[in-house]
C-alpha atoms as a PDB file:
ATOM      1  CA  MET A   1     -32.687  89.240-135.886  1.00  0.00           C
ATOM      2  CA  ASN A   2     -34.635  88.484-132.712  1.00  0.00           C
ATOM      3  CA  THR A   3     -32.326  90.180-130.212  1.00  0.00           C
ATOM      4  CA  PRO A   4     -32.378  93.476-128.308  1.00  0.00           C
ATOM      5  CA  TYR A   5     -28.968  94.186-129.906  1.00  0.00           C
ATOM      6  CA  PRO A   6     -29.449  93.445-133.603  1.00  0.00           C
ATOM      7  CA  HIS A   7     -26.521  95.609-134.637  1.00  0.00           C
ATOM      8  CA  LEU A   8     -23.977  94.009-132.295  1.00  0.00           C
ATOM      9  CA  PHE A   9     -24.826  90.550-133.600  1.00  0.00           C
ATOM     10  CA  GLN A  10     -24.583  91.487-137.259  1.00  0.00           C
ATOM     11  CA  PRO A  11     -21.556  90.020-139.089  1.00  0.00           C
ATOM     12  CA  ILE A  12     -18.932  92.333-140.543  1.00  0.00           C
ATOM     13  CA  THR A  13     -16.182  91.684-143.093  1.00  0.00           C
ATOM     14  CA  LEU A  14     -12.676  93.115-142.775  1.00  0.00           C
ATOM     15  CA  GLY A  15     -10.615  92.215-145.824  1.00  0.00           C
ATOM     16  CA  SER A  16     -10.565  88.423-146.027  1.00  0.00           C
ATOM     17  CA  LEU A  17     -12.025  88.050-142.533  1.00  0.00           C
ATOM     18  CA  THR A  18     -15.731  87.841-141.761  1.00  0.00           C
ATOM     19  CA  LEU A  19     -16.549  88.163-138.070  1.00  0.00           C
ATOM     20  CA  ARG A  20     -19.585  86.285-136.806  1.00  0.00           C
ATOM     21  CA  ASN A  21     -20.677  89.338-134.833  1.00  0.00           C
ATOM     22  CA  ARG A  22     -19.441  92.802-133.882  1.00  0.00           C
ATOM     23  CA  LEU A  23     -18.217  91.948-130.422  1.00  0.00           C
ATOM     24  CA  VAL A  24     -14.462  92.426-130.025  1.00  0.00           C
ATOM     25  CA  MET A  25     -12.266  91.706-127.042  1.00  0.00           C
ATOM     26  CA  GLY A  26      -9.592  94.394-127.189  1.00  0.00           C
ATOM     27  CA  SER A  27      -5.930  94.072-126.314  1.00  0.00           C
ATOM     28  CA  MET A  28      -5.106  93.468-122.661  1.00  0.00           C
ATOM     29  CA  HIS A  29      -1.627  92.383-121.579  1.00  0.00           C
ATOM     30  CA  THR A  30      -2.214  89.566-119.109  1.00  0.00           C
ATOM     31  CA  GLY A  31       1.424  88.663-118.428  1.00  0.00           C
ATOM     32  CA  LEU A  32       0.834  85.229-119.926  1.00  0.00           C
ATOM     33  CA  GLU A  33       2.256  86.471-123.229  1.00  0.00           C
ATOM     34  CA  ASP A  34       5.804  86.750-121.878  1.00  0.00           C
ATOM     35  CA  ARG A  35       6.747  83.097-121.410  1.00  0.00           C
ATOM     36  CA  ALA A  36       6.274  80.192-123.815  1.00  0.00           C
ATOM     37  CA  ARG A  37       5.427  77.945-120.887  1.00  0.00           C
ATOM     38  CA  ASP A  38       2.335  80.084-120.224  1.00  0.00           C
ATOM     39  CA  LEU A  39       0.892  79.712-123.725  1.00  0.00           C
ATOM     40  CA  PRO A  40      -1.402  76.828-122.646  1.00  0.00           C
ATOM     41  CA  LYS A  41      -2.895  79.113-119.971  1.00  0.00           C
ATOM     42  CA  LEU A  42      -3.294  81.930-122.486  1.00  0.00           C
ATOM     43  CA  THR A  43      -4.903  79.453-124.884  1.00  0.00           C
ATOM     44  CA  ALA A  44      -7.438  78.436-122.246  1.00  0.00           C
ATOM     45  CA  TYR A  45      -8.161  82.090-121.482  1.00  0.00           C
ATOM     46  CA  PHE A  46      -8.809  83.037-125.108  1.00  0.00           C
ATOM     47  CA  THR A  47     -10.672  79.814-125.892  1.00  0.00           C
ATOM     48  CA  GLU A  48     -13.150  80.501-123.123  1.00  0.00           C
ATOM     49  CA  ARG A  49     -13.814  83.980-124.517  1.00  0.00           C
ATOM     50  CA  ALA A  50     -14.296  82.590-128.016  1.00  0.00           C
ATOM     51  CA  ARG A  51     -16.654  79.942-126.600  1.00  0.00           C
ATOM     52  CA  GLY A  52     -18.631  82.737-124.991  1.00  0.00           C
ATOM     53  CA  GLY A  53     -19.363  84.175-128.420  1.00  0.00           C
ATOM     54  CA  VAL A  54     -16.931  87.036-128.974  1.00  0.00           C
ATOM     55  CA  GLY A  55     -16.317  87.718-132.653  1.00  0.00           C
ATOM     56  CA  LEU A  56     -12.710  88.950-132.559  1.00  0.00           C
ATOM     57  CA  ILE A  57     -10.024  88.703-129.881  1.00  0.00           C
ATOM     58  CA  ILE A  58      -6.967  90.993-129.953  1.00  0.00           C
ATOM     59  CA  THR A  59      -3.968  89.733-128.005  1.00  0.00           C
ATOM     60  CA  GLY A  60      -1.725  91.663-125.670  1.00  0.00           C
ATOM     61  CA  GLY A  61       1.175  93.391-127.376  1.00  0.00           C
ATOM     62  CA  TYR A  62       4.031  91.419-128.965  1.00  0.00           C
ATOM     63  CA  ALA A  63       7.244  93.252-129.789  1.00  0.00           C
ATOM     64  CA  PRO A  64       8.711  93.037-133.309  1.00  0.00           C
ATOM     65  CA  ASN A  65      12.252  92.960-131.876  1.00  0.00           C
ATOM     66  CA  LYS A  66      14.034  92.866-128.534  1.00  0.00           C
ATOM     67  CA  ARG A  67      14.477  96.624-128.331  1.00  0.00           C
ATOM     68  CA  GLY A  68      10.701  96.836-128.371  1.00  0.00           C
ATOM     69  CA  TRP A  69      10.163  94.741-125.238  1.00  0.00           C
ATOM     70  CA  LEU A  70       7.823  96.158-122.614  1.00  0.00           C
ATOM     71  CA  LYS A  71      10.157  94.739-119.951  1.00  0.00           C
ATOM     72  CA  PRO A  72      13.171  92.393-119.969  1.00  0.00           C
ATOM     73  CA  PHE A  73      12.420  89.183-121.884  1.00  0.00           C
ATOM     74  CA  ALA A  74       8.812  90.232-122.483  1.00  0.00           C
ATOM     75  CA  SER A  75       6.588  89.018-125.311  1.00  0.00           C
ATOM     76  CA  GLU A  76       7.893  89.152-128.862  1.00  0.00           C
ATOM     77  CA  LEU A  77       7.174  87.448-132.182  1.00  0.00           C
ATOM     78  CA  THR A  78      10.444  87.283-134.063  1.00  0.00           C
ATOM     79  CA  SER A  79      11.001  83.679-135.166  1.00  0.00           C
ATOM     80  CA  ARG A  80       9.274  80.760-136.855  1.00  0.00           C
ATOM     81  CA  THR A  81       9.740  78.697-133.711  1.00  0.00           C
ATOM     82  CA  GLN A  82       7.765  81.240-131.694  1.00  0.00           C
ATOM     83  CA  ALA A  83       5.085  81.451-134.389  1.00  0.00           C
ATOM     84  CA  ASN A  84       4.640  77.687-134.462  1.00  0.00           C
ATOM     85  CA  LYS A  85       4.051  77.667-130.705  1.00  0.00           C
ATOM     86  CA  HIS A  86       1.103  80.033-131.186  1.00  0.00           C
ATOM     87  CA  ARG A  87      -0.667  77.708-133.622  1.00  0.00           C
ATOM     88  CA  PRO A  88      -2.478  75.583-130.972  1.00  0.00           C
ATOM     89  CA  MET A  89      -3.897  78.798-129.496  1.00  0.00           C
ATOM     90  CA  THR A  90      -5.199  80.202-132.783  1.00  0.00           C
ATOM     91  CA  ASP A  91      -6.562  76.778-133.733  1.00  0.00           C
ATOM     92  CA  ALA A  92      -8.428  76.554-130.422  1.00  0.00           C
ATOM     93  CA  VAL A  93     -10.067  79.946-130.963  1.00  0.00           C
ATOM     94  CA  HIS A  94     -11.082  78.938-134.493  1.00  0.00           C
ATOM     95  CA  GLU A  95     -12.611  75.704-133.246  1.00  0.00           C
ATOM     96  CA  GLU A  96     -14.969  77.802-131.110  1.00  0.00           C
ATOM     97  CA  GLY A  97     -15.990  79.939-134.094  1.00  0.00           C
ATOM     98  CA  GLY A  98     -13.965  82.985-133.090  1.00  0.00           C
ATOM     99  CA  ALA A  99     -11.205  84.998-134.748  1.00  0.00           C
ATOM    100  CA  ILE A 100      -8.003  86.318-133.214  1.00  0.00           C
ATOM    101  CA  ALA A 101      -5.622  89.151-134.097  1.00  0.00           C
ATOM    102  CA  LEU A 102      -2.056  89.637-132.878  1.00  0.00           C
ATOM    103  CA  GLN A 103      -1.165  93.109-131.629  1.00  0.00           C
ATOM    104  CA  LEU A 104       2.267  94.368-132.706  1.00  0.00           C
ATOM    105  CA  LEU A 105       3.625  96.732-130.070  1.00  0.00           C
ATOM    106  CA  HIS A 106       7.049  98.350-129.800  1.00  0.00           C
ATOM    107  CA  ALA A 107       7.337 100.006-126.403  1.00  0.00           C
ATOM    108  CA  GLY A 108       9.846 102.635-127.459  1.00  0.00           C
ATOM    109  CA  ARG A 109      10.767 104.836-124.492  1.00  0.00           C
ATOM    110  CA  TYR A 110       8.047 103.128-122.432  1.00  0.00           C
ATOM    111  CA  GLY A 111      10.201  99.999-122.326  1.00  0.00           C
ATOM    112  CA  TYR A 112      11.031  99.188-118.711  1.00  0.00           C
ATOM    113  CA  HIS A 113      14.586  98.085-119.492  1.00  0.00           C
ATOM    114  CA  PRO A 114      17.965  99.672-120.327  1.00  0.00           C
ATOM    115  CA  LEU A 115      17.832  98.621-123.997  1.00  0.00           C
ATOM    116  CA  SER A 116      14.914 100.936-124.777  1.00  0.00           C
ATOM    117  CA  VAL A 117      15.036 103.107-127.901  1.00  0.00           C
ATOM    118  CA  SER A 118      12.924 105.913-129.282  1.00  0.00           C
ATOM    119  CA  ALA A 119      12.743 108.503-132.021  1.00  0.00           C
ATOM    120  CA  SER A 120      14.878 110.776-129.828  1.00  0.00           C
ATOM    121  CA  ALA A 121      16.785 110.415-126.561  1.00  0.00           C
ATOM    122  CA  ARG A 122      14.020 111.889-124.424  1.00  0.00           C
ATOM    123  CA  LYS A 123      13.220 110.087-121.204  1.00  0.00           C
ATOM    124  CA  SER A 124       9.647 109.146-120.371  1.00  0.00           C
ATOM    125  CA  PRO A 125       8.255 110.467-117.065  1.00  0.00           C
ATOM    126  CA  ILE A 126       6.862 107.023-116.245  1.00  0.00           C
ATOM    127  CA  THR A 127       9.966 104.842-116.713  1.00  0.00           C
ATOM    128  CA  PRO A 128      13.436 105.053-115.132  1.00  0.00           C
ATOM    129  CA  PHE A 129      15.455 104.466-118.302  1.00  0.00           C
ATOM    130  CA  LYS A 130      16.474 107.102-120.842  1.00  0.00           C
ATOM    131  CA  PRO A 131      16.114 105.664-124.357  1.00  0.00           C
ATOM    132  CA  THR A 132      18.761 105.664-127.059  1.00  0.00           C
ATOM    133  CA  ALA A 133      17.778 107.515-130.230  1.00  0.00           C
ATOM    134  CA  LEU A 134      17.470 105.096-133.136  1.00  0.00           C
ATOM    135  CA  SER A 135      19.908 105.676-135.979  1.00  0.00           C
ATOM    136  CA  THR A 136      18.501 106.384-139.431  1.00  0.00           C
ATOM    137  CA  LYS A 137      19.398 102.831-140.461  1.00  0.00           C
ATOM    138  CA  ALA A 138      17.844 101.364-137.307  1.00  0.00           C
ATOM    139  CA  VAL A 139      14.550 103.185-137.913  1.00  0.00           C
ATOM    140  CA  ASP A 140      14.375 101.610-141.339  1.00  0.00           C
ATOM    141  CA  ALA A 141      15.177  98.170-139.905  1.00  0.00           C
ATOM    142  CA  THR A 142      12.525  98.566-137.197  1.00  0.00           C
ATOM    143  CA  ALA A 143       9.821  99.323-139.759  1.00  0.00           C
ATOM    144  CA  THR A 144      10.788  96.124-141.551  1.00  0.00           C
ATOM    145  CA  ALA A 145      10.750  94.205-138.260  1.00  0.00           C
ATOM    146  CA  TYR A 146       7.079  95.096-137.786  1.00  0.00           C
ATOM    147  CA  ALA A 147       6.277  93.678-141.220  1.00  0.00           C
ATOM    148  CA  GLU A 148       8.276  90.504-140.625  1.00  0.00           C
ATOM    149  CA  SER A 149       6.520  89.971-137.305  1.00  0.00           C
ATOM    150  CA  ALA A 150       3.156  90.383-139.052  1.00  0.00           C
ATOM    151  CA  ALA A 151       4.167  87.723-141.582  1.00  0.00           C
ATOM    152  CA  LEU A 152       4.988  85.418-138.673  1.00  0.00           C
ATOM    153  CA  ALA A 153       1.509  86.108-137.273  1.00  0.00           C
ATOM    154  CA  VAL A 154       0.064  84.787-140.538  1.00  0.00           C
ATOM    155  CA  ARG A 155       2.205  81.668-140.122  1.00  0.00           C
ATOM    156  CA  ALA A 156       0.931  81.335-136.548  1.00  0.00           C
ATOM    157  CA  GLY A 157      -2.678  81.206-137.744  1.00  0.00           C
ATOM    158  CA  TYR A 158      -3.813  84.675-136.690  1.00  0.00           C
ATOM    159  CA  ASP A 159      -6.693  86.187-138.628  1.00  0.00           C
ATOM    160  CA  ALA A 160      -5.399  89.773-138.493  1.00  0.00           C
ATOM    161  CA  VAL A 161      -2.768  91.997-136.926  1.00  0.00           C
ATOM    162  CA  GLU A 162      -3.218  95.219-135.002  1.00  0.00           C
ATOM    163  CA  VAL A 163      -0.388  97.754-135.268  1.00  0.00           C
ATOM    164  CA  MET A 164      -0.244  99.652-131.970  1.00  0.00           C
ATOM    165  CA  GLY A 165       0.126 103.303-132.972  1.00  0.00           C
ATOM    166  CA  SER A 166      -1.371 104.972-129.908  1.00  0.00           C
ATOM    167  CA  GLU A 167      -1.047 105.347-126.122  1.00  0.00           C
ATOM    168  CA  GLY A 168       2.412 106.889-126.455  1.00  0.00           C
ATOM    169  CA  TYR A 169       4.324 103.826-127.671  1.00  0.00           C
ATOM    170  CA  LEU A 170       7.078 103.961-130.320  1.00  0.00           C
ATOM    171  CA  ILE A 171       4.965 104.910-133.334  1.00  0.00           C
ATOM    172  CA  ASN A 172       3.356 107.726-131.342  1.00  0.00           C
ATOM    173  CA  GLN A 173       6.833 108.820-130.288  1.00  0.00           C
ATOM    174  CA  PHE A 174       7.766 109.317-133.936  1.00  0.00           C
ATOM    175  CA  LEU A 175       4.540 111.185-134.694  1.00  0.00           C
ATOM    176  CA  ALA A 176       4.708 113.830-131.964  1.00  0.00           C
ATOM    177  CA  GLU A 177       6.993 116.844-131.648  1.00  0.00           C
ATOM    178  CA  ARG A 178       7.071 116.034-127.933  1.00  0.00           C
ATOM    179  CA  THR A 179       9.276 113.006-128.528  1.00  0.00           C
ATOM    180  CA  ASN A 180      10.735 113.512-132.013  1.00  0.00           C
ATOM    181  CA  ASP A 181      13.441 116.134-132.518  1.00  0.00           C
ATOM    182  CA  ARG A 182      15.134 114.289-135.391  1.00  0.00           C
ATOM    183  CA  THR A 183      16.612 116.135-138.367  1.00  0.00           C
ATOM    184  CA  ASP A 184      16.707 113.239-140.849  1.00  0.00           C
ATOM    185  CA  GLN A 185      13.876 111.933-143.060  1.00  0.00           C
ATOM    186  CA  TRP A 186      12.119 110.471-139.988  1.00  0.00           C
ATOM    187  CA  GLY A 187      11.643 113.788-138.194  1.00  0.00           C
ATOM    188  CA  GLY A 188      11.252 117.525-138.485  1.00  0.00           C
ATOM    189  CA  SER A 189       8.097 118.249-140.460  1.00  0.00           C
ATOM    190  CA  ALA A 190       4.784 116.606-139.612  1.00  0.00           C
ATOM    191  CA  ARG A 191       5.007 114.743-142.912  1.00  0.00           C
ATOM    192  CA  ASN A 192       8.414 113.296-142.025  1.00  0.00           C
ATOM    193  CA  ARG A 193       7.204 112.350-138.560  1.00  0.00           C
ATOM    194  CA  MET A 194       4.408 110.340-140.181  1.00  0.00           C
ATOM    195  CA  ARG A 195       6.834 108.454-142.402  1.00  0.00           C
ATOM    196  CA  PHE A 196       7.614 105.717-139.854  1.00  0.00           C
ATOM    197  CA  ALA A 197       3.955 104.771-139.299  1.00  0.00           C
ATOM    198  CA  GLU A 198       3.365 104.821-143.042  1.00  0.00           C
ATOM    199  CA  GLU A 199       6.351 102.580-143.748  1.00  0.00           C
ATOM    200  CA  VAL A 200       5.307 100.104-141.051  1.00  0.00           C
ATOM    201  CA  VAL A 201       1.910  99.666-142.692  1.00  0.00           C
ATOM    202  CA  ARG A 202       3.248  99.736-146.260  1.00  0.00           C
ATOM    203  CA  ARG A 203       5.834  97.039-145.577  1.00  0.00           C
ATOM    204  CA  THR A 204       3.369  94.967-143.594  1.00  0.00           C
ATOM    205  CA  ARG A 205       0.896  95.032-146.471  1.00  0.00           C
ATOM    206  CA  GLU A 206       3.635  93.925-148.877  1.00  0.00           C
ATOM    207  CA  LEU A 207       4.433  90.863-146.758  1.00  0.00           C
ATOM    208  CA  VAL A 208       0.939  89.733-145.718  1.00  0.00           C
ATOM    209  CA  GLY A 209      -0.765  90.198-149.093  1.00  0.00           C
ATOM    210  CA  PRO A 210      -3.679  92.325-150.306  1.00  0.00           C
ATOM    211  CA  ASP A 211      -6.529  90.878-148.229  1.00  0.00           C
ATOM    212  CA  PHE A 212      -5.107  90.029-144.806  1.00  0.00           C
ATOM    213  CA  PRO A 213      -6.631  92.495-142.303  1.00  0.00           C
ATOM    214  CA  ILE A 214      -4.317  95.169-140.901  1.00  0.00           C
ATOM    215  CA  ILE A 215      -5.890  97.103-138.030  1.00  0.00           C
ATOM    216  CA  TYR A 216      -4.072 100.267-136.985  1.00  0.00           C
ATOM    217  CA  ARG A 217      -4.685 101.659-133.526  1.00  0.00           C
ATOM    218  CA  ILE A 218      -4.534 105.401-134.038  1.00  0.00           C
ATOM    219  CA  SER A 219      -4.218 108.038-131.322  1.00  0.00           C
ATOM    220  CA  LEU A 220      -7.124 110.448-131.780  1.00  0.00           C
ATOM    221  CA  LEU A 221      -6.214 112.626-128.804  1.00  0.00           C
ATOM    222  CA  ASP A 222      -2.718 112.476-127.324  1.00  0.00           C
ATOM    223  CA  LEU A 223      -3.695 114.670-124.331  1.00  0.00           C
ATOM    224  CA  VAL A 224      -0.056 115.685-123.770  1.00  0.00           C
ATOM    225  CA  GLU A 225       1.815 118.881-124.533  1.00  0.00           C
ATOM    226  CA  GLY A 226       3.569 118.634-127.882  1.00  0.00           C
ATOM    227  CA  GLY A 227       1.189 115.954-129.150  1.00  0.00           C
ATOM    228  CA  GLN A 228      -0.360 115.705-132.588  1.00  0.00           C
ATOM    229  CA  ARG A 229      -2.773 118.312-133.916  1.00  0.00           C
ATOM    230  CA  TRP A 230      -6.095 117.093-135.295  1.00  0.00           C
ATOM    231  CA  SER A 231      -5.057 118.013-138.838  1.00  0.00           C
ATOM    232  CA  GLU A 232      -2.063 115.698-138.436  1.00  0.00           C
ATOM    233  CA  VAL A 233      -4.199 112.834-137.125  1.00  0.00           C
ATOM    234  CA  GLU A 234      -6.523 113.206-140.094  1.00  0.00           C
ATOM    235  CA  GLU A 235      -3.678 113.344-142.623  1.00  0.00           C
ATOM    236  CA  LEU A 236      -2.040 110.304-141.036  1.00  0.00           C
ATOM    237  CA  ALA A 237      -5.279 108.332-141.310  1.00  0.00           C
ATOM    238  CA  HIS A 238      -5.567 109.166-145.009  1.00  0.00           C
ATOM    239  CA  ARG A 239      -1.968 108.167-145.662  1.00  0.00           C
ATOM    240  CA  LEU A 240      -2.342 104.885-143.781  1.00  0.00           C
ATOM    241  CA  GLU A 241      -5.565 104.070-145.570  1.00  0.00           C
ATOM    242  CA  ALA A 242      -3.774 104.623-148.876  1.00  0.00           C
ATOM    243  CA  VAL A 243      -1.004 102.144-148.039  1.00  0.00           C
ATOM    244  CA  GLY A 244      -3.238  99.339-146.839  1.00  0.00           C
ATOM    245  CA  VAL A 245      -4.984  99.765-143.484  1.00  0.00           C
ATOM    246  CA  THR A 246      -8.151  97.661-143.317  1.00  0.00           C
ATOM    247  CA  ALA A 247      -9.657  99.306-140.217  1.00  0.00           C
ATOM    248  CA  PHE A 248      -8.769 101.825-137.528  1.00  0.00           C
ATOM    249  CA  ASN A 249      -8.993 101.098-133.838  1.00  0.00           C
ATOM    250  CA  THR A 250      -8.728 104.248-131.724  1.00  0.00           C
ATOM    251  CA  GLY A 251      -6.778 105.230-128.640  1.00  0.00           C
ATOM    252  CA  ILE A 252      -7.285 108.194-126.329  1.00  0.00           C
ATOM    253  CA  GLY A 253      -4.372 109.688-124.386  1.00  0.00           C
ATOM    254  CA  TRP A 254      -0.777 108.646-123.808  1.00  0.00           C
ATOM    255  CA  HIS A 255       0.072 106.639-120.718  1.00  0.00           C
ATOM    256  CA  GLU A 256       1.877 109.696-119.331  1.00  0.00           C
ATOM    257  CA  ALA A 257      -1.133 111.976-119.890  1.00  0.00           C
ATOM    258  CA  ARG A 258      -2.663 113.513-116.774  1.00  0.00           C
ATOM    259  CA  VAL A 259      -6.188 113.452-118.206  1.00  0.00           C
ATOM    260  CA  PRO A 260      -8.224 110.392-117.097  1.00  0.00           C
ATOM    261  CA  THR A 261      -9.572 108.399-120.018  1.00  0.00           C
ATOM    262  CA  ILE A 262     -10.990 105.067-118.788  1.00  0.00           C
ATOM    263  CA  ILE A 263     -11.600 105.294-115.035  1.00  0.00           C
ATOM    264  CA  THR A 264     -15.144 105.320-113.697  1.00  0.00           C
ATOM    265  CA  GLN A 265     -15.126 109.112-113.247  1.00  0.00           C
ATOM    266  CA  VAL A 266     -15.021 109.427-117.057  1.00  0.00           C
ATOM    267  CA  PRO A 267     -18.575 109.591-118.463  1.00  0.00           C
ATOM    268  CA  PRO A 268     -19.638 106.621-120.595  1.00  0.00           C
ATOM    269  CA  ALA A 269     -18.606 107.000-124.250  1.00  0.00           C
ATOM    270  CA  ALA A 270     -17.012 110.359-123.426  1.00  0.00           C
ATOM    271  CA  TRP A 271     -14.740 110.240-126.491  1.00  0.00           C
ATOM    272  CA  ARG A 272     -17.233 109.043-129.084  1.00  0.00           C
ATOM    273  CA  SER A 273     -17.255 112.419-130.848  1.00  0.00           C
ATOM    274  CA  ALA A 274     -13.535 112.078-131.652  1.00  0.00           C
ATOM    275  CA  THR A 275     -14.200 108.759-133.348  1.00  0.00           C
ATOM    276  CA  ALA A 276     -17.137 110.215-135.256  1.00  0.00           C
ATOM    277  CA  ARG A 277     -14.885 113.021-136.475  1.00  0.00           C
ATOM    278  CA  LEU A 278     -12.353 110.549-137.879  1.00  0.00           C
ATOM    279  CA  LYS A 279     -15.014 108.280-139.307  1.00  0.00           C
ATOM    280  CA  ALA A 280     -16.402 111.140-141.375  1.00  0.00           C
ATOM    281  CA  THR A 281     -13.086 111.473-143.229  1.00  0.00           C
ATOM    282  CA  VAL A 282     -12.100 107.863-144.035  1.00  0.00           C
ATOM    283  CA  SER A 283     -13.729 105.019-145.925  1.00  0.00           C
ATOM    284  CA  VAL A 284     -12.598 102.037-143.809  1.00  0.00           C
ATOM    285  CA  PRO A 285     -14.249 100.900-140.549  1.00  0.00           C
ATOM    286  CA  VAL A 286     -13.309 102.909-137.452  1.00  0.00           C
ATOM    287  CA  CYS A 287     -13.248 101.643-133.867  1.00  0.00           C
ATOM    288  CA  ALA A 288     -14.503 103.824-131.036  1.00  0.00           C
ATOM    289  CA  SER A 289     -12.914 103.371-127.628  1.00  0.00           C
ATOM    290  CA  ASN A 290     -12.940 104.088-123.921  1.00  0.00           C
ATOM    291  CA  ARG A 291     -15.867 103.665-121.541  1.00  0.00           C
ATOM    292  CA  ILE A 292     -18.199 101.975-124.016  1.00  0.00           C
ATOM    293  CA  ASN A 293     -19.065  99.311-121.488  1.00  0.00           C
ATOM    294  CA  THR A 294     -22.674  98.262-121.950  1.00  0.00           C
ATOM    295  CA  PRO A 295     -24.333  96.597-124.937  1.00  0.00           C
ATOM    296  CA  GLU A 296     -27.077  99.230-124.855  1.00  0.00           C
ATOM    297  CA  LEU A 297     -24.547 102.011-125.295  1.00  0.00           C
ATOM    298  CA  ALA A 298     -22.732 100.166-128.061  1.00  0.00           C
ATOM    299  CA  GLU A 299     -25.989  99.457-129.860  1.00  0.00           C
ATOM    300  CA  ASP A 300     -26.883 103.128-129.657  1.00  0.00           C
ATOM    301  CA  ILE A 301     -23.701 104.285-131.369  1.00  0.00           C
ATOM    302  CA  ARG A 302     -24.374 104.318-135.070  1.00  0.00           C
ATOM    303  CA  GLY A 303     -22.194 104.413-138.169  1.00  0.00           C
ATOM    304  CA  LYS A 304     -20.282 102.001-140.355  1.00  0.00           C
ATOM    305  CA  THR A 305     -17.496 101.132-137.948  1.00  0.00           C
ATOM    306  CA  VAL A 306     -16.032  98.545-135.625  1.00  0.00           C
ATOM    307  CA  LEU A 307     -16.355  99.573-132.016  1.00  0.00           C
ATOM    308  CA  VAL A 308     -13.576  98.474-129.677  1.00  0.00           C
ATOM    309  CA  ARG A 309     -12.499  99.110-126.111  1.00  0.00           C
ATOM    310  CA  GLU A 310     -10.938  97.136-123.262  1.00  0.00           C
ATOM    311  CA  ASP A 311     -14.140  97.141-121.188  1.00  0.00           C
ATOM    312  CA  LEU A 312     -16.477  95.925-123.927  1.00  0.00           C
ATOM    313  CA  ASN A 313     -14.834  95.835-127.332  1.00  0.00           C
ATOM    314  CA  VAL A 314     -17.555  95.794-129.899  1.00  0.00           C
ATOM    315  CA  PRO A 315     -17.503  96.094-133.722  1.00  0.00           C
ATOM    316  CA  MET A 316     -20.587  98.124-134.586  1.00  0.00           C
ATOM    317  CA  LYS A 317     -22.392  99.676-137.545  1.00  0.00           C
END
C-alpha cells in the first residue's frame, strides 16, 4: 500500500466484522448520549468521524439498567424503543463506510446519584454517595442486564459491543479486593471475584450469537491499593477468552488512582509494555491504550492487535 502508514490502513476482521482500516475512535462520553433529543447531534458527530475515514467508532458508555447510570437520567440502553432510536445513527455511520460499537458501562459506586450500587457498600473517594451492596440475586440480574442490553445493540444496528471492565467501574469493583468484601459466590477468592465479569461475557455471547464481536475493556494496571495482581489479570483474560471475547481493549488506572495515565506529562506510549505482556498470553487481538497519539507511534507498535486510545484509537498489527 502506497502510504507512510501501511499497517494502520490494513483491514482487520473481528468475528463477523471487517474494519476497513485499523483506526479506531475510542469511547468518549460527550453528554449527547443522555437525552434522546440529542441523538441527531450525536449522529452528526459520529457521521463526520466516519466520513473522515475512521474504521471503528466506540460510543460513550450506556448503562444496562438504571442503577448503572453515571448520573441521574444518564444514558442507558434498556428497551426496544431506545434501540430503535439509535438506528438512524448506526445507519449513517454505515453509509460512510464506517463501523460503530456500543459501550456497555455500569458505573457502580462511581454513579453520581443516590441509587448507586456496587459489589460492597464502600464509598468511592470521588463521588458523594455511598453505594448499596448488590444482593446475590441482584448481581445475577445485573449480569443478565448487560447481555440484554447487548442484544438491543444488535437490534439498533451496532456492529459490536464493548463491555467496560476497567477504569474502576462496576466490573472492576467486583474484581478487586479493594471494593469487594463479599462472602457469597461473587466474592472472597480471586476466582469468585472474576465470576461476575465472566458471566457478563458468557450471557452476552449467548444472546448475540457466535460471531457478533464482543470487545472487553480490561484493566491491565489498576494503580490503586487493593487492586488486581497481574496473575489475576492474566487469568481473567483467559477465562473471558474462553467464554467468547473477540478482542481486548485495555485500560490503565482507576479514576480514583493518583498516578497520571493520559496527561501530557506521561511519556508517549508509556504503558505499551503492559499490553505486550497481555498479548503474549492470549490468542485474540489486544488493544493498547493511553498516550498513543501520533500515527508514527502507532505504526511503530507491532504485533497482532487492535490499538485503541481516546487520543488516537488505532487497531494495529
